Amino acid sequence: MNVRSVGLRGRDSLGKVAATIKVMPESEETDVFSIKEQVSSVVKGDYYIGSINIEDLAFGLKAIKLVVVMDDKEGLMDKLEQSLRNVKGVGEVEVEEVSLIS
């Protein structure tokens, strides 16, 4: 009996996930527009930016919220989070939601 005949047909092609991520600056004085540009240049290769916006939080603090689409492959999310944390001026990276899209 072949493994494919047991109902695993199509498992070798990866699905896609969309991750909603909030990137917080180190402080309210940090230039979020500069961080946004750097984030756009860091997220490439295995990743596609679906959207990227600057949101007002409170007391003058702003955050960058982005939706990143990637293959549903082990290790890609960790690699992305680490790349975002390495951007100058980033204080915190929070994955808010991950959804399977295909």
N, C-alpha and C. Protein backbone atom coordinates (compact mmCIF):
# COMPACT_ATOMS: atom_id res chain seq x y z
N MET A 1 0.84 -1.18 0.00
CA MET A 1 0.00 0.00 0.00
C MET A 1 0.88 1.24 0.00
N ASN A 2 0.55 2.16 -0.80
CA ASN A 2 1.25 3.42 -0.97
C ASN A 2 0.72 4.44 0.05
N VAL A 3 1.62 5.26 0.64
CA VAL A 3 1.20 6.27 1.64
C VAL A 3 0.18 7.23 1.06
N ARG A 4 0.32 7.58 -0.18
CA ARG A 4 -0.63 8.52 -0.79
C ARG A 4 -2.05 7.97 -0.82
N SER A 5 -2.18 6.67 -0.88
CA SER A 5 -3.52 6.09 -0.95
C SER A 5 -4.23 6.07 0.39
N VAL A 6 -3.55 6.47 1.48
CA VAL A 6 -4.15 6.46 2.79
C VAL A 6 -4.74 7.83 3.15
N GLY A 7 -4.79 8.74 2.24
CA GLY A 7 -5.41 10.03 2.51
C GLY A 7 -4.44 11.15 2.79
N LEU A 8 -3.18 10.98 2.45
CA LEU A 8 -2.20 12.03 2.67
C LEU A 8 -1.87 12.78 1.38
N ARG A 9 -2.69 12.61 0.39
CA ARG A 9 -2.48 13.27 -0.90
C ARG A 9 -2.40 14.78 -0.71
N GLY A 10 -1.39 15.39 -1.32
CA GLY A 10 -1.25 16.84 -1.28
C GLY A 10 -0.52 17.36 -0.06
N ARG A 11 -0.09 16.50 0.85
CA ARG A 11 0.60 16.95 2.07
C ARG A 11 2.00 17.48 1.79
N ASP A 12 2.58 17.09 0.63
CA ASP A 12 3.94 17.55 0.36
C ASP A 12 3.98 19.00 -0.11
N SER A 13 2.84 19.59 -0.44
CA SER A 13 2.82 21.01 -0.78
C SER A 13 2.38 21.79 0.46
N LEU A 14 3.15 22.82 0.79
CA LEU A 14 2.90 23.58 2.01
C LEU A 14 1.74 24.54 1.84
N GLY A 15 0.99 24.73 2.93
CA GLY A 15 -0.03 25.75 2.95
C GLY A 15 0.61 27.08 3.29
N LYS A 16 -0.19 28.11 3.32
CA LYS A 16 0.27 29.44 3.67
C LYS A 16 -0.39 29.88 4.97
N VAL A 17 0.34 30.68 5.73
CA VAL A 17 -0.22 31.28 6.93
C VAL A 17 -0.05 32.80 6.85
N ALA A 18 -0.96 33.49 7.50
CA ALA A 18 -0.87 34.95 7.63
C ALA A 18 -0.69 35.25 9.12
N ALA A 19 0.36 35.98 9.44
CA ALA A 19 0.65 36.34 10.83
C ALA A 19 0.46 37.84 11.01
N THR A 20 -0.33 38.21 12.00
CA THR A 20 -0.48 39.61 12.38
C THR A 20 0.50 39.88 13.51
N ILE A 21 1.38 40.85 13.28
CA ILE A 21 2.47 41.11 14.22
C ILE A 21 2.49 42.58 14.61
N LYS A 22 2.64 42.84 15.91
CA LYS A 22 2.77 44.21 16.40
C LYS A 22 4.22 44.45 16.78
N VAL A 23 4.81 45.51 16.23
CA VAL A 23 6.19 45.87 16.51
C VAL A 23 6.17 47.18 17.30
N MET A 24 6.68 47.12 18.52
CA MET A 24 6.70 48.28 19.39
C MET A 24 8.07 48.93 19.38
N PRO A 25 8.12 50.26 19.32
CA PRO A 25 9.42 50.96 19.40
C PRO A 25 9.97 50.92 20.82
N GLU A 26 11.27 51.21 20.94
CA GLU A 26 11.92 51.24 22.26
C GLU A 26 11.29 52.28 23.18
N SER A 27 10.92 53.43 22.60
CA SER A 27 10.32 54.50 23.40
C SER A 27 9.43 55.35 22.49
N GLU A 28 8.72 56.28 23.09
CA GLU A 28 7.83 57.13 22.29
C GLU A 28 8.61 58.14 21.44
N GLU A 29 9.89 58.33 21.75
CA GLU A 29 10.73 59.23 20.96
C GLU A 29 11.31 58.54 19.72
N THR A 30 11.24 57.23 19.67
CA THR A 30 11.79 56.48 18.54
C THR A 30 10.99 56.76 17.28
N ASP A 31 11.67 56.98 16.18
CA ASP A 31 11.03 57.28 14.90
C ASP A 31 10.40 56.02 14.30
N VAL A 32 9.08 55.88 14.43
CA VAL A 32 8.40 54.69 13.93
C VAL A 32 8.40 54.61 12.41
N PHE A 33 8.52 55.75 11.75
CA PHE A 33 8.55 55.74 10.28
C PHE A 33 9.85 55.11 9.79
N SER A 34 10.94 55.37 10.50
CA SER A 34 12.22 54.75 10.18
C SER A 34 12.16 53.24 10.43
N ILE A 35 11.55 52.85 11.54
CA ILE A 35 11.40 51.43 11.84
C ILE A 35 10.56 50.76 10.77
N LYS A 36 9.49 51.42 10.35
CA LYS A 36 8.61 50.86 9.31
C LYS A 36 9.39 50.59 8.03
N GLU A 37 10.25 51.53 7.62
CA GLU A 37 11.07 51.34 6.42
C GLU A 37 12.03 50.16 6.58
N GLN A 38 12.66 50.07 7.76
CA GLN A 38 13.60 48.99 8.01
C GLN A 38 12.89 47.63 8.03
N VAL A 39 11.71 47.59 8.65
CA VAL A 39 10.92 46.35 8.69
C VAL A 39 10.58 45.91 7.27
N SER A 40 10.20 46.86 6.43
CA SER A 40 9.86 46.53 5.04
C SER A 40 11.05 45.92 4.30
N SER A 41 12.26 46.36 4.63
CA SER A 41 13.43 45.83 3.94
C SER A 41 13.90 44.51 4.54
N VAL A 42 13.57 44.23 5.80
CA VAL A 42 13.96 42.99 6.46
C VAL A 42 13.05 41.82 6.06
N VAL A 43 11.77 42.12 5.89
CA VAL A 43 10.79 41.07 5.58
C VAL A 43 10.81 40.82 4.08
N LYS A 44 11.57 39.80 3.68
CA LYS A 44 11.71 39.47 2.27
C LYS A 44 12.06 37.99 2.15
N GLY A 45 12.28 37.52 0.96
CA GLY A 45 12.65 36.13 0.75
C GLY A 45 11.46 35.20 0.92
N ASP A 46 11.41 34.50 2.06
CA ASP A 46 10.32 33.55 2.34
C ASP A 46 9.03 34.23 2.75
N TYR A 47 9.03 35.55 2.86
CA TYR A 47 7.90 36.29 3.42
C TYR A 47 7.35 37.31 2.43
N TYR A 48 6.06 37.61 2.59
CA TYR A 48 5.40 38.64 1.79
C TYR A 48 4.59 39.51 2.75
N ILE A 49 4.78 40.83 2.67
CA ILE A 49 4.02 41.74 3.53
C ILE A 49 2.66 41.99 2.88
N GLY A 50 1.60 41.56 3.57
CA GLY A 50 0.23 41.79 3.11
C GLY A 50 -0.19 43.22 3.39
N SER A 51 0.18 43.72 4.57
CA SER A 51 -0.11 45.11 4.92
C SER A 51 0.85 45.53 6.03
N ILE A 52 1.09 46.84 6.08
CA ILE A 52 1.92 47.40 7.15
C ILE A 52 1.40 48.80 7.45
N ASN A 53 1.07 49.05 8.71
CA ASN A 53 0.48 50.32 9.12
C ASN A 53 1.08 50.78 10.45
N ILE A 54 1.01 52.08 10.66
CA ILE A 54 1.39 52.66 11.95
C ILE A 54 0.10 52.99 12.68
N GLU A 55 0.00 52.51 13.93
CA GLU A 55 -1.21 52.72 14.72
C GLU A 55 -0.89 53.52 15.97
N ASP A 56 -1.80 54.42 16.33
CA ASP A 56 -1.70 55.16 17.58
C ASP A 56 -2.16 54.25 18.71
N LEU A 57 -1.38 54.19 19.79
CA LEU A 57 -1.79 53.39 20.93
C LEU A 57 -2.33 54.30 22.03
N ALA A 58 -1.44 54.92 22.80
CA ALA A 58 -1.87 55.81 23.87
C ALA A 58 -0.70 56.71 24.26
N PHE A 59 -1.01 57.90 24.74
CA PHE A 59 -0.02 58.82 25.27
C PHE A 59 1.11 59.10 24.29
N GLY A 60 0.79 59.19 22.99
CA GLY A 60 1.77 59.50 21.97
C GLY A 60 2.56 58.30 21.47
N LEU A 61 2.33 57.14 22.05
CA LEU A 61 3.03 55.93 21.64
C LEU A 61 2.37 55.35 20.39
N LYS A 62 3.21 54.95 19.44
CA LYS A 62 2.73 54.36 18.20
C LYS A 62 3.35 52.97 18.05
N ALA A 63 2.68 52.12 17.28
CA ALA A 63 3.19 50.78 17.00
C ALA A 63 3.03 50.52 15.52
N ILE A 64 3.81 49.60 15.02
CA ILE A 64 3.70 49.17 13.63
C ILE A 64 2.99 47.83 13.65
N LYS A 65 1.92 47.72 12.89
CA LYS A 65 1.20 46.47 12.79
C LYS A 65 1.33 45.98 11.36
N LEU A 66 1.79 44.74 11.20
CA LEU A 66 1.93 44.20 9.86
C LEU A 66 1.34 42.81 9.77
N VAL A 67 0.91 42.48 8.56
CA VAL A 67 0.45 41.14 8.26
C VAL A 67 1.46 40.56 7.29
N VAL A 68 2.04 39.42 7.67
CA VAL A 68 3.06 38.77 6.86
C VAL A 68 2.54 37.39 6.44
N VAL A 69 2.66 37.10 5.15
CA VAL A 69 2.25 35.81 4.61
C VAL A 69 3.51 34.99 4.35
N MET A 70 3.46 33.71 4.75
CA MET A 70 4.61 32.82 4.58
C MET A 70 4.11 31.38 4.46
N ASP A 71 5.01 30.51 4.03
CA ASP A 71 4.69 29.08 4.02
C ASP A 71 4.50 28.60 5.44
N ASP A 72 3.63 27.61 5.61
CA ASP A 72 3.40 26.99 6.91
C ASP A 72 4.52 25.98 7.14
N LYS A 73 5.71 26.49 7.43
CA LYS A 73 6.91 25.68 7.54
C LYS A 73 7.57 25.96 8.89
N GLU A 74 7.98 24.91 9.55
CA GLU A 74 8.60 25.04 10.86
C GLU A 74 9.83 25.94 10.82
N GLY A 75 9.91 26.84 11.78
CA GLY A 75 11.07 27.71 11.93
C GLY A 75 10.95 29.07 11.27
N LEU A 76 10.04 29.22 10.30
CA LEU A 76 9.93 30.52 9.61
C LEU A 76 9.44 31.63 10.53
N MET A 77 8.50 31.33 11.42
CA MET A 77 7.98 32.36 12.32
C MET A 77 9.07 32.82 13.29
N ASP A 78 9.81 31.88 13.85
CA ASP A 78 10.90 32.23 14.77
C ASP A 78 11.96 33.09 14.08
N LYS A 79 12.30 32.72 12.86
CA LYS A 79 13.29 33.48 12.08
C LYS A 79 12.79 34.90 11.82
N LEU A 80 11.52 35.05 11.50
CA LEU A 80 10.93 36.37 11.25
C LEU A 80 10.95 37.21 12.52
N GLU A 81 10.51 36.63 13.64
CA GLU A 81 10.51 37.38 14.91
C GLU A 81 11.91 37.87 15.26
N GLN A 82 12.90 37.01 15.10
CA GLN A 82 14.27 37.40 15.43
C GLN A 82 14.76 38.52 14.52
N SER A 83 14.43 38.44 13.23
CA SER A 83 14.82 39.50 12.29
C SER A 83 14.20 40.83 12.68
N LEU A 84 12.94 40.81 13.09
CA LEU A 84 12.26 42.04 13.50
C LEU A 84 12.86 42.60 14.79
N ARG A 85 13.22 41.74 15.73
CA ARG A 85 13.83 42.20 16.99
C ARG A 85 15.19 42.84 16.75
N ASN A 86 15.86 42.45 15.67
CA ASN A 86 17.18 42.99 15.37
C ASN A 86 17.14 44.36 14.69
N VAL A 87 15.95 44.84 14.33
CA VAL A 87 15.83 46.16 13.69
C VAL A 87 16.11 47.23 14.74
N LYS A 88 16.95 48.18 14.37
CA LYS A 88 17.32 49.27 15.29
C LYS A 88 16.08 50.06 15.69
N GLY A 89 15.90 50.24 17.00
CA GLY A 89 14.79 51.01 17.53
C GLY A 89 13.60 50.17 17.95
N VAL A 90 13.61 48.87 17.65
CA VAL A 90 12.50 47.99 18.03
C VAL A 90 12.68 47.57 19.49
N GLY A 91 11.60 47.74 20.26
CA GLY A 91 11.63 47.34 21.66
C GLY A 91 11.00 45.98 21.90
N GLU A 92 9.89 45.71 21.21
CA GLU A 92 9.17 44.47 21.44
C GLU A 92 8.48 44.02 20.16
N VAL A 93 8.40 42.71 19.96
CA VAL A 93 7.70 42.12 18.83
C VAL A 93 6.69 41.13 19.39
N GLU A 94 5.42 41.31 19.02
CA GLU A 94 4.37 40.43 19.52
C GLU A 94 3.57 39.86 18.36
N VAL A 95 3.52 38.54 18.27
CA VAL A 95 2.68 37.88 17.26
C VAL A 95 1.28 37.84 17.85
N GLU A 96 0.35 38.55 17.23
CA GLU A 96 -1.01 38.63 17.75
C GLU A 96 -1.91 37.51 17.26
N GLU A 97 -1.69 37.09 16.01
CA GLU A 97 -2.56 36.07 15.43
C GLU A 97 -1.86 35.37 14.28
N VAL A 98 -2.09 34.10 14.15
CA VAL A 98 -1.58 33.34 13.01
C VAL A 98 -2.77 32.54 12.46
N SER A 99 -3.03 32.69 11.17
CA SER A 99 -4.16 32.01 10.54
C SER A 99 -3.72 31.26 9.31
N LEU A 100 -4.21 30.05 9.14
CA LEU A 100 -3.96 29.28 7.95
C LEU A 100 -4.82 29.86 6.83
N ILE A 101 -4.22 30.18 5.70
CA ILE A 101 -5.00 30.79 4.61
C ILE A 101 -5.11 29.90 3.39
N SER A 102 -4.31 28.85 3.28
CA SER A 102 -4.48 27.92 2.17
C SER A 102 -3.78 26.62 2.46
